[in-house]
Amino acid sequence: MICENCNTEPIAETHEIFFNGKANRKLCIDYGLTIDLCRTCHNSAHGKHKNHRDPKNLTKREMQQRFCVLKRIDFDETNLAINTHASSVRSRLYLKEISKGFTG
């Protein structure tokens, strides 16, 4: 398999797109909000892994937006659903519905 971001290098690991803590990480995994990345792209995906010397690095938000474009889902709606999942039935239904299109 190749990296879903750069389409060139072999994948190294799966990246949780909307990772803001342990609970969101699990939601990303449960709803398929993950992307397979090569080491280079994963290291530039967000602050903890970011290689600040790489001029092609992507911010966490840029990676989230790119993921939403690739999966044809709304960035703002998905971000809101992840962050309100625990308190909103609507958010849980939205995540369940969008995940049907890319999990399985």
PDB file of N, CA and C in Angstrom:
ATOM      1  N   MET A   1       0.841  -1.194   0.000  1.00  0.00           N
ATOM      2  CA  MET A   1       0.000   0.000   0.000  1.00  0.00           C
ATOM      3  C   MET A   1       0.877   1.244   0.000  1.00  0.00           C
ATOM      4  N   ILE A   2       0.337   2.319  -0.558  1.00  0.00           N
ATOM      5  CA  ILE A   2       1.081   3.569  -0.580  1.00  0.00           C
ATOM      6  C   ILE A   2       0.413   4.601   0.332  1.00  0.00           C
ATOM      7  N   CYS A   3       1.154   5.634   0.634  1.00  0.00           N
ATOM      8  CA  CYS A   3       0.685   6.716   1.490  1.00  0.00           C
ATOM      9  C   CYS A   3      -0.530   7.397   0.847  1.00  0.00           C
ATOM     10  N   GLU A   4      -1.600   7.605   1.633  1.00  0.00           N
ATOM     11  CA  GLU A   4      -2.804   8.251   1.120  1.00  0.00           C
ATOM     12  C   GLU A   4      -2.630   9.759   0.934  1.00  0.00           C
ATOM     13  N   ASN A   5      -1.554  10.317   1.467  1.00  0.00           N
ATOM     14  CA  ASN A   5      -1.322  11.753   1.327  1.00  0.00           C
ATOM     15  C   ASN A   5      -0.434  12.072   0.133  1.00  0.00           C
ATOM     16  N   CYS A   6       0.726  11.455   0.048  1.00  0.00           N
ATOM     17  CA  CYS A   6       1.670  11.795  -1.022  1.00  0.00           C
ATOM     18  C   CYS A   6       1.644  10.805  -2.178  1.00  0.00           C
ATOM     19  N   ASN A   7       0.998   9.661  -1.983  1.00  0.00           N
ATOM     20  CA  ASN A   7       0.872   8.632  -3.032  1.00  0.00           C
ATOM     21  C   ASN A   7       2.192   8.106  -3.563  1.00  0.00           C
ATOM     22  N   THR A   8       3.244   8.180  -2.758  1.00  0.00           N
ATOM     23  CA  THR A   8       4.533   7.703  -3.252  1.00  0.00           C
ATOM     24  C   THR A   8       5.183   6.666  -2.353  1.00  0.00           C
ATOM     25  N   GLU A   9       5.312   6.952  -1.097  1.00  0.00           N
ATOM     26  CA  GLU A   9       6.073   6.077  -0.213  1.00  0.00           C
ATOM     27  C   GLU A   9       5.182   4.996   0.393  1.00  0.00           C
ATOM     28  N   PRO A  10       5.751   3.871   0.739  1.00  0.00           N
ATOM     29  CA  PRO A  10       4.976   2.842   1.440  1.00  0.00           C
ATOM     30  C   PRO A  10       4.490   3.371   2.785  1.00  0.00           C
ATOM     31  N   ILE A  11       3.315   2.917   3.213  1.00  0.00           N
ATOM     32  CA  ILE A  11       2.781   3.404   4.487  1.00  0.00           C
ATOM     33  C   ILE A  11       3.584   2.872   5.660  1.00  0.00           C
ATOM     34  N   ALA A  12       3.630   3.668   6.702  1.00  0.00           N
ATOM     35  CA  ALA A  12       4.333   3.278   7.917  1.00  0.00           C
ATOM     36  C   ALA A  12       3.351   3.065   9.061  1.00  0.00           C
ATOM     37  N   GLU A  13       2.329   3.910   9.124  1.00  0.00           N
ATOM     38  CA  GLU A  13       1.385   3.799  10.220  1.00  0.00           C
ATOM     39  C   GLU A  13       0.098   4.545   9.930  1.00  0.00           C
ATOM     40  N   THR A  14      -0.897   4.233  10.740  1.00  0.00           N
ATOM     41  CA  THR A  14      -2.200   4.874  10.617  1.00  0.00           C
ATOM     42  C   THR A  14      -2.231   6.104  11.511  1.00  0.00           C
ATOM     43  N   HIS A  15      -2.805   7.172  10.993  1.00  0.00           N
ATOM     44  CA  HIS A  15      -2.887   8.435  11.723  1.00  0.00           C
ATOM     45  C   HIS A  15      -4.351   8.747  12.012  1.00  0.00           C
ATOM     46  N   GLU A  16      -4.669   9.049  13.263  1.00  0.00           N
ATOM     47  CA  GLU A  16      -6.018   9.457  13.636  1.00  0.00           C
ATOM     48  C   GLU A  16      -6.164  10.927  13.274  1.00  0.00           C
ATOM     49  N   ILE A  17      -7.140  11.241  12.461  1.00  0.00           N
ATOM     50  CA  ILE A  17      -7.254  12.587  11.895  1.00  0.00           C
ATOM     51  C   ILE A  17      -7.657  13.640  12.923  1.00  0.00           C
ATOM     52  N   PHE A  18      -8.670  13.372  13.725  1.00  0.00           N
ATOM     53  CA  PHE A  18      -9.159  14.372  14.674  1.00  0.00           C
ATOM     54  C   PHE A  18      -8.730  14.017  16.090  1.00  0.00           C
ATOM     55  N   PHE A  19      -7.443  13.884  16.296  1.00  0.00           N
ATOM     56  CA  PHE A  19      -6.901  13.469  17.585  1.00  0.00           C
ATOM     57  C   PHE A  19      -6.679  14.685  18.462  1.00  0.00           C
ATOM     58  N   ASN A  20      -7.508  14.831  19.498  1.00  0.00           N
ATOM     59  CA  ASN A  20      -7.339  15.905  20.481  1.00  0.00           C
ATOM     60  C   ASN A  20      -7.281  15.348  21.892  1.00  0.00           C
ATOM     61  N   GLY A  21      -7.071  14.076  22.001  1.00  0.00           N
ATOM     62  CA  GLY A  21      -7.039  13.421  23.292  1.00  0.00           C
ATOM     63  C   GLY A  21      -7.465  11.975  23.149  1.00  0.00           C
ATOM     64  N   LYS A  22      -7.349  11.245  24.227  1.00  0.00           N
ATOM     65  CA  LYS A  22      -7.601   9.804  24.188  1.00  0.00           C
ATOM     66  C   LYS A  22      -9.003   9.456  23.685  1.00  0.00           C
ATOM     67  N   ALA A  23     -10.019  10.188  24.135  1.00  0.00           N
ATOM     68  CA  ALA A  23     -11.398   9.896  23.723  1.00  0.00           C
ATOM     69  C   ALA A  23     -11.569  10.118  22.216  1.00  0.00           C
ATOM     70  N   ASN A  24     -11.030  11.214  21.694  1.00  0.00           N
ATOM     71  CA  ASN A  24     -11.151  11.486  20.267  1.00  0.00           C
ATOM     72  C   ASN A  24     -10.375  10.480  19.438  1.00  0.00           C
ATOM     73  N   ARG A  25      -9.273   9.997  19.950  1.00  0.00           N
ATOM     74  CA  ARG A  25      -8.487   8.985  19.237  1.00  0.00           C
ATOM     75  C   ARG A  25      -9.332   7.733  19.032  1.00  0.00           C
ATOM     76  N   LYS A  26     -10.022   7.308  20.088  1.00  0.00           N
ATOM     77  CA  LYS A  26     -10.881   6.132  19.996  1.00  0.00           C
ATOM     78  C   LYS A  26     -12.024   6.374  19.018  1.00  0.00           C
ATOM     79  N   LEU A  27     -12.614   7.564  19.049  1.00  0.00           N
ATOM     80  CA  LEU A  27     -13.690   7.887  18.103  1.00  0.00           C
ATOM     81  C   LEU A  27     -13.192   7.803  16.666  1.00  0.00           C
ATOM     82  N   CYS A  28     -12.013   8.339  16.426  1.00  0.00           N
ATOM     83  CA  CYS A  28     -11.444   8.295  15.076  1.00  0.00           C
ATOM     84  C   CYS A  28     -11.284   6.853  14.610  1.00  0.00           C
ATOM     85  N   ILE A  29     -10.780   6.016  15.478  1.00  0.00           N
ATOM     86  CA  ILE A  29     -10.589   4.604  15.127  1.00  0.00           C
ATOM     87  C   ILE A  29     -11.942   3.932  14.922  1.00  0.00           C
ATOM     88  N   ASP A  30     -12.883   4.164  15.837  1.00  0.00           N
ATOM     89  CA  ASP A  30     -14.202   3.529  15.752  1.00  0.00           C
ATOM     90  C   ASP A  30     -14.969   3.927  14.491  1.00  0.00           C
ATOM     91  N   TYR A  31     -14.846   5.191  14.076  1.00  0.00           N
ATOM     92  CA  TYR A  31     -15.600   5.677  12.925  1.00  0.00           C
ATOM     93  C   TYR A  31     -14.785   5.728  11.627  1.00  0.00           C
ATOM     94  N   GLY A  32     -13.569   5.205  11.662  1.00  0.00           N
ATOM     95  CA  GLY A  32     -12.769   5.154  10.436  1.00  0.00           C
ATOM     96  C   GLY A  32     -12.174   6.480  10.011  1.00  0.00           C
ATOM     97  N   LEU A  33     -12.049   7.407  10.947  1.00  0.00           N
ATOM     98  CA  LEU A  33     -11.468   8.714  10.635  1.00  0.00           C
ATOM     99  C   LEU A  33      -9.948   8.631  10.768  1.00  0.00           C
ATOM    100  N   THR A  34      -9.376   7.770   9.961  1.00  0.00           N
ATOM    101  CA  THR A  34      -7.933   7.533   9.977  1.00  0.00           C
ATOM    102  C   THR A  34      -7.417   7.546   8.547  1.00  0.00           C
ATOM    103  N   ILE A  35      -6.123   7.750   8.421  1.00  0.00           N
ATOM    104  CA  ILE A  35      -5.489   7.762   7.112  1.00  0.00           C
ATOM    105  C   ILE A  35      -4.144   7.046   7.236  1.00  0.00           C
ATOM    106  N   ASP A  36      -3.817   6.246   6.239  1.00  0.00           N
ATOM    107  CA  ASP A  36      -2.529   5.552   6.226  1.00  0.00           C
ATOM    108  C   ASP A  36      -1.479   6.466   5.614  1.00  0.00           C
ATOM    109  N   LEU A  37      -0.419   6.710   6.386  1.00  0.00           N
ATOM    110  CA  LEU A  37       0.616   7.650   5.975  1.00  0.00           C
ATOM    111  C   LEU A  37       2.004   7.016   6.015  1.00  0.00           C
ATOM    112  N   CYS A  38       2.868   7.517   5.138  1.00  0.00           N
ATOM    113  CA  CYS A  38       4.275   7.144   5.215  1.00  0.00           C
ATOM    114  C   CYS A  38       4.895   7.902   6.388  1.00  0.00           C
ATOM    115  N   ARG A  39       6.080   7.534   6.755  1.00  0.00           N
ATOM    116  CA  ARG A  39       6.758   8.171   7.884  1.00  0.00           C
ATOM    117  C   ARG A  39       6.918   9.678   7.659  1.00  0.00           C
ATOM    118  N   THR A  40       7.274  10.091   6.458  1.00  0.00           N
ATOM    119  CA  THR A  40       7.487  11.518   6.161  1.00  0.00           C
ATOM    120  C   THR A  40       6.217  12.318   6.382  1.00  0.00           C
ATOM    121  N   CYS A  41       5.096  11.848   5.820  1.00  0.00           N
ATOM    122  CA  CYS A  41       3.832  12.573   5.976  1.00  0.00           C
ATOM    123  C   CYS A  41       3.319  12.511   7.409  1.00  0.00           C
ATOM    124  N   HIS A  42       3.462  11.384   8.071  1.00  0.00           N
ATOM    125  CA  HIS A  42       3.012  11.289   9.461  1.00  0.00           C
ATOM    126  C   HIS A  42       3.792  12.247  10.346  1.00  0.00           C
ATOM    127  N   ASN A  43       5.065  12.377  10.105  1.00  0.00           N
ATOM    128  CA  ASN A  43       5.887  13.277  10.912  1.00  0.00           C
ATOM    129  C   ASN A  43       5.548  14.736  10.674  1.00  0.00           C
ATOM    130  N   SER A  44       4.885  15.053   9.580  1.00  0.00           N
ATOM    131  CA  SER A  44       4.519  16.437   9.328  1.00  0.00           C
ATOM    132  C   SER A  44       3.042  16.688   9.590  1.00  0.00           C
ATOM    133  N   ALA A  45       2.308  15.688  10.090  1.00  0.00           N
ATOM    134  CA  ALA A  45       0.862  15.806  10.226  1.00  0.00           C
ATOM    135  C   ALA A  45       0.405  16.712  11.370  1.00  0.00           C
ATOM    136  N   HIS A  46       1.119  16.751  12.459  1.00  0.00           N
ATOM    137  CA  HIS A  46       0.727  17.632  13.568  1.00  0.00           C
ATOM    138  C   HIS A  46       1.915  17.892  14.478  1.00  0.00           C
ATOM    139  N   GLY A  47       1.715  18.809  15.415  1.00  0.00           N
ATOM    140  CA  GLY A  47       2.801  19.320  16.235  1.00  0.00           C
ATOM    141  C   GLY A  47       3.711  18.299  16.877  1.00  0.00           C
ATOM    142  N   LYS A  48       3.159  17.254  17.447  1.00  0.00           N
ATOM    143  CA  LYS A  48       3.972  16.284  18.163  1.00  0.00           C
ATOM    144  C   LYS A  48       4.954  15.575  17.228  1.00  0.00           C
ATOM    145  N   HIS A  49       4.538  15.318  16.001  1.00  0.00           N
ATOM    146  CA  HIS A  49       5.375  14.600  15.058  1.00  0.00           C
ATOM    147  C   HIS A  49       6.017  15.516  14.014  1.00  0.00           C
ATOM    148  N   LYS A  50       5.631  16.768  14.017  1.00  0.00           N
ATOM    149  CA  LYS A  50       6.011  17.672  12.930  1.00  0.00           C
ATOM    150  C   LYS A  50       7.513  17.861  12.807  1.00  0.00           C
ATOM    151  N   ASN A  51       7.981  17.740  11.592  1.00  0.00           N
ATOM    152  CA  ASN A  51       9.369  18.046  11.266  1.00  0.00           C
ATOM    153  C   ASN A  51       9.390  19.497  10.784  1.00  0.00           C
ATOM    154  N   HIS A  52       9.750  20.410  11.664  1.00  0.00           N
ATOM    155  CA  HIS A  52       9.686  21.835  11.340  1.00  0.00           C
ATOM    156  C   HIS A  52      10.680  22.249  10.259  1.00  0.00           C
ATOM    157  N   ARG A  53      11.653  21.402   9.961  1.00  0.00           N
ATOM    158  CA  ARG A  53      12.624  21.725   8.918  1.00  0.00           C
ATOM    159  C   ARG A  53      12.127  21.345   7.528  1.00  0.00           C
ATOM    160  N   ASP A  54      11.041  20.595   7.448  1.00  0.00           N
ATOM    161  CA  ASP A  54      10.502  20.165   6.163  1.00  0.00           C
ATOM    162  C   ASP A  54       9.566  21.241   5.617  1.00  0.00           C
ATOM    163  N   PRO A  55       9.914  21.882   4.504  1.00  0.00           N
ATOM    164  CA  PRO A  55       9.077  22.968   3.975  1.00  0.00           C
ATOM    165  C   PRO A  55       7.726  22.474   3.456  1.00  0.00           C
ATOM    166  N   LYS A  56       7.574  21.160   3.263  1.00  0.00           N
ATOM    167  CA  LYS A  56       6.320  20.620   2.750  1.00  0.00           C
ATOM    168  C   LYS A  56       5.399  20.137   3.861  1.00  0.00           C
ATOM    169  N   ASN A  57       5.751  20.424   5.117  1.00  0.00           N
ATOM    170  CA  ASN A  57       4.957  19.860   6.211  1.00  0.00           C
ATOM    171  C   ASN A  57       3.539  20.433   6.229  1.00  0.00           C
ATOM    172  N   LEU A  58       2.629  19.633   6.716  1.00  0.00           N
ATOM    173  CA  LEU A  58       1.232  20.030   6.829  1.00  0.00           C
ATOM    174  C   LEU A  58       0.893  20.235   8.295  1.00  0.00           C
ATOM    175  N   THR A  59       0.093  21.262   8.568  1.00  0.00           N
ATOM    176  CA  THR A  59      -0.381  21.435   9.935  1.00  0.00           C
ATOM    177  C   THR A  59      -1.463  20.397  10.204  1.00  0.00           C
ATOM    178  N   LYS A  60      -1.793  20.233  11.453  1.00  0.00           N
ATOM    179  CA  LYS A  60      -2.842  19.286  11.829  1.00  0.00           C
ATOM    180  C   LYS A  60      -4.147  19.645  11.106  1.00  0.00           C
ATOM    181  N   ARG A  61      -4.501  20.912  11.112  1.00  0.00           N
ATOM    182  CA  ARG A  61      -5.738  21.363  10.457  1.00  0.00           C
ATOM    183  C   ARG A  61      -5.691  21.104   8.950  1.00  0.00           C
ATOM    184  N   GLU A  62      -4.554  21.352   8.324  1.00  0.00           N
ATOM    185  CA  GLU A  62      -4.429  21.089   6.884  1.00  0.00           C
ATOM    186  C   GLU A  62      -4.615  19.608   6.579  1.00  0.00           C
ATOM    187  N   MET A  63      -4.074  18.747   7.422  1.00  0.00           N
ATOM    188  CA  MET A  63      -4.243  17.315   7.227  1.00  0.00           C
ATOM    189  C   MET A  63      -5.709  16.924   7.412  1.00  0.00           C
ATOM    190  N   GLN A  64      -6.371  17.493   8.416  1.00  0.00           N
ATOM    191  CA  GLN A  64      -7.790  17.210   8.632  1.00  0.00           C
ATOM    192  C   GLN A  64      -8.615  17.652   7.420  1.00  0.00           C
ATOM    193  N   GLN A  65      -8.331  18.838   6.909  1.00  0.00           N
ATOM    194  CA  GLN A  65      -9.073  19.344   5.759  1.00  0.00           C
ATOM    195  C   GLN A  65      -8.811  18.496   4.516  1.00  0.00           C
ATOM    196  N   ARG A  66      -7.583  18.094   4.309  1.00  0.00           N
ATOM    197  CA  ARG A  66      -7.252  17.243   3.159  1.00  0.00           C
ATOM    198  C   ARG A  66      -7.979  15.906   3.264  1.00  0.00           C
ATOM    199  N   PHE A  67      -8.014  15.335   4.470  1.00  0.00           N
ATOM    200  CA  PHE A  67      -8.729  14.081   4.693  1.00  0.00           C
ATOM    201  C   PHE A  67     -10.198  14.239   4.310  1.00  0.00           C
ATOM    202  N   CYS A  68     -10.826  15.321   4.762  1.00  0.00           N
ATOM    203  CA  CYS A  68     -12.245  15.546   4.476  1.00  0.00           C
ATOM    204  C   CYS A  68     -12.494  15.706   2.983  1.00  0.00           C
ATOM    205  N   VAL A  69     -11.594  16.350   2.286  1.00  0.00           N
ATOM    206  CA  VAL A  69     -11.720  16.464   0.829  1.00  0.00           C
ATOM    207  C   VAL A  69     -11.612  15.083   0.187  1.00  0.00           C
ATOM    208  N   LEU A  70     -10.610  14.302   0.609  1.00  0.00           N
ATOM    209  CA  LEU A  70     -10.432  12.951   0.061  1.00  0.00           C
ATOM    210  C   LEU A  70     -11.653  12.069   0.293  1.00  0.00           C
ATOM    211  N   LYS A  71     -12.258  12.194   1.453  1.00  0.00           N
ATOM    212  CA  LYS A  71     -13.396  11.347   1.817  1.00  0.00           C
ATOM    213  C   LYS A  71     -14.743  11.965   1.450  1.00  0.00           C
ATOM    214  N   ARG A  72     -14.706  13.176   0.922  1.00  0.00           N
ATOM    215  CA  ARG A  72     -15.923  13.898   0.515  1.00  0.00           C
ATOM    216  C   ARG A  72     -16.892  14.104   1.688  1.00  0.00           C
ATOM    217  N   ILE A  73     -16.336  14.577   2.796  1.00  0.00           N
ATOM    218  CA  ILE A  73     -17.156  14.901   3.959  1.00  0.00           C
ATOM    219  C   ILE A  73     -16.866  16.343   4.372  1.00  0.00           C
ATOM    220  N   ASP A  74     -17.803  16.956   5.074  1.00  0.00           N
ATOM    221  CA  ASP A  74     -17.674  18.351   5.483  1.00  0.00           C
ATOM    222  C   ASP A  74     -16.730  18.479   6.679  1.00  0.00           C
ATOM    223  N   PHE A  75     -15.693  19.284   6.537  1.00  0.00           N
ATOM    224  CA  PHE A  75     -14.696  19.454   7.605  1.00  0.00           C
ATOM    225  C   PHE A  75     -15.310  20.015   8.880  1.00  0.00           C
ATOM    226  N   ASP A  76     -16.022  21.135   8.781  1.00  0.00           N
ATOM    227  CA  ASP A  76     -16.560  21.785   9.979  1.00  0.00           C
ATOM    228  C   ASP A  76     -17.556  20.886  10.704  1.00  0.00           C
ATOM    229  N   GLU A  77     -18.429  20.236   9.953  1.00  0.00           N
ATOM    230  CA  GLU A  77     -19.425  19.345  10.557  1.00  0.00           C
ATOM    231  C   GLU A  77     -18.749  18.164  11.249  1.00  0.00           C
ATOM    232  N   THR A  78     -17.736  17.605  10.616  1.00  0.00           N
ATOM    233  CA  THR A  78     -17.035  16.455  11.191  1.00  0.00           C
ATOM    234  C   THR A  78     -16.262  16.851  12.442  1.00  0.00           C
ATOM    235  N   ASN A  79     -15.577  17.974  12.391  1.00  0.00           N
ATOM    236  CA  ASN A  79     -14.830  18.472  13.547  1.00  0.00           C
ATOM    237  C   ASN A  79     -15.770  18.729  14.724  1.00  0.00           C
ATOM    238  N   LEU A  80     -16.904  19.357  14.454  1.00  0.00           N
ATOM    239  CA  LEU A  80     -17.895  19.618  15.500  1.00  0.00           C
ATOM    240  C   LEU A  80     -18.433  18.307  16.072  1.00  0.00           C
ATOM    241  N   ALA A  81     -18.730  17.352  15.202  1.00  0.00           N
ATOM    242  CA  ALA A  81     -19.273  16.068  15.662  1.00  0.00           C
ATOM    243  C   ALA A  81     -18.288  15.345  16.566  1.00  0.00           C
ATOM    244  N   ILE A  82     -17.020  15.356  16.214  1.00  0.00           N
ATOM    245  CA  ILE A  82     -16.005  14.711  17.054  1.00  0.00           C
ATOM    246  C   ILE A  82     -15.942  15.379  18.425  1.00  0.00           C
ATOM    247  N   ASN A  83     -15.993  16.698  18.439  1.00  0.00           N
ATOM    248  CA  ASN A  83     -15.829  17.424  19.701  1.00  0.00           C
ATOM    249  C   ASN A  83     -17.079  17.466  20.569  1.00  0.00           C
ATOM    250  N   THR A  84     -18.258  17.129  20.005  1.00  0.00           N
ATOM    251  CA  THR A  84     -19.496  17.122  20.791  1.00  0.00           C
ATOM    252  C   THR A  84     -20.104  15.723  20.876  1.00  0.00           C
ATOM    253  N   HIS A  85     -19.351  14.722  20.476  1.00  0.00           N
ATOM    254  CA  HIS A  85     -19.849  13.348  20.410  1.00  0.00           C
ATOM    255  C   HIS A  85     -20.499  12.884  21.705  1.00  0.00           C
ATOM    256  N   ALA A  86     -19.868  13.144  22.808  1.00  0.00           N
ATOM    257  CA  ALA A  86     -20.356  12.640  24.101  1.00  0.00           C
ATOM    258  C   ALA A  86     -21.693  13.250  24.496  1.00  0.00           C
ATOM    259  N   SER A  87     -21.955  14.485  24.057  1.00  0.00           N
ATOM    260  CA  SER A  87     -23.161  15.175  24.518  1.00  0.00           C
ATOM    261  C   SER A  87     -24.246  15.322  23.456  1.00  0.00           C
ATOM    262  N   SER A  88     -24.014  14.809  22.253  1.00  0.00           N
ATOM    263  CA  SER A  88     -24.954  15.072  21.179  1.00  0.00           C
ATOM    264  C   SER A  88     -25.320  13.801  20.405  1.00  0.00           C
ATOM    265  N   VAL A  89     -26.603  13.474  20.433  1.00  0.00           N
ATOM    266  CA  VAL A  89     -27.089  12.333  19.650  1.00  0.00           C
ATOM    267  C   VAL A  89     -26.903  12.627  18.168  1.00  0.00           C
ATOM    268  N   ARG A  90     -27.157  13.866  17.766  1.00  0.00           N
ATOM    269  CA  ARG A  90     -26.995  14.260  16.363  1.00  0.00           C
ATOM    270  C   ARG A  90     -25.565  14.017  15.890  1.00  0.00           C
ATOM    271  N   SER A  91     -24.593  14.346  16.726  1.00  0.00           N
ATOM    272  CA  SER A  91     -23.187  14.133  16.369  1.00  0.00           C
ATOM    273  C   SER A  91     -22.872  12.657  16.189  1.00  0.00           C
ATOM    274  N   ARG A  92     -23.384  11.842  17.094  1.00  0.00           N
ATOM    275  CA  ARG A  92     -23.148  10.400  16.984  1.00  0.00           C
ATOM    276  C   ARG A  92     -23.776   9.838  15.710  1.00  0.00           C
ATOM    277  N   LEU A  93     -24.979  10.293  15.383  1.00  0.00           N
ATOM    278  CA  LEU A  93     -25.640   9.832  14.153  1.00  0.00           C
ATOM    279  C   LEU A  93     -24.881  10.282  12.914  1.00  0.00           C
ATOM    280  N   TYR A  94     -24.387  11.521  12.935  1.00  0.00           N
ATOM    281  CA  TYR A  94     -23.615  12.032  11.803  1.00  0.00           C
ATOM    282  C   TYR A  94     -22.356  11.193  11.587  1.00  0.00           C
ATOM    283  N   LEU A  95     -21.610  10.932  12.651  1.00  0.00           N
ATOM    284  CA  LEU A  95     -20.379  10.146  12.532  1.00  0.00           C
ATOM    285  C   LEU A  95     -20.669   8.729  12.040  1.00  0.00           C
ATOM    286  N   LYS A  96     -21.738   8.161  12.535  1.00  0.00           N
ATOM    287  CA  LYS A  96     -22.117   6.808  12.095  1.00  0.00           C
ATOM    288  C   LYS A  96     -22.453   6.818  10.599  1.00  0.00           C
ATOM    289  N   GLU A  97     -23.174   7.830  10.159  1.00  0.00           N
ATOM    290  CA  GLU A  97     -23.580   7.910   8.756  1.00  0.00           C
ATOM    291  C   GLU A  97     -22.386   8.122   7.825  1.00  0.00           C
ATOM    292  N   ILE A  98     -21.495   9.044   8.165  1.00  0.00           N
ATOM    293  CA  ILE A  98     -20.356   9.278   7.259  1.00  0.00           C
ATOM    294  C   ILE A  98     -19.399   8.102   7.239  1.00  0.00           C
ATOM    295  N   SER A  99     -19.306   7.406   8.367  1.00  0.00           N
ATOM    296  CA  SER A  99     -18.355   6.290   8.415  1.00  0.00           C
ATOM    297  C   SER A  99     -18.775   5.134   7.522  1.00  0.00           C
ATOM    298  N   LYS A 100     -20.045   5.036   7.193  1.00  0.00           N
ATOM    299  CA  LYS A 100     -20.528   3.983   6.301  1.00  0.00           C
ATOM    300  C   LYS A 100     -19.846   4.051   4.949  1.00  0.00           C
ATOM    301  N   GLY A 101     -19.464   5.256   4.546  1.00  0.00           N
ATOM    302  CA  GLY A 101     -18.871   5.438   3.234  1.00  0.00           C
ATOM    303  C   GLY A 101     -17.415   5.032   3.114  1.00  0.00           C
ATOM    304  N   PHE A 102     -16.712   4.878   4.233  1.00  0.00           N
ATOM    305  CA  PHE A 102     -15.284   4.553   4.128  1.00  0.00           C
ATOM    306  C   PHE A 102     -14.767   3.594   5.178  1.00  0.00           C
ATOM    307  N   THR A 103     -15.629   2.860   5.840  1.00  0.00           N
ATOM    308  CA  THR A 103     -15.183   1.804   6.729  1.00  0.00           C
ATOM    309  C   THR A 103     -15.752   0.487   6.250  1.00  0.00           C
ATOM    310  N   GLY A 104     -15.219  -0.574   6.806  1.00  0.00           N
ATOM    311  CA  GLY A 104     -15.831  -1.836   6.481  1.00  0.00           C
ATOM    312  C   GLY A 104     -14.906  -2.787   5.958  1.00  0.00           C
TER     313      GLY A 104
END
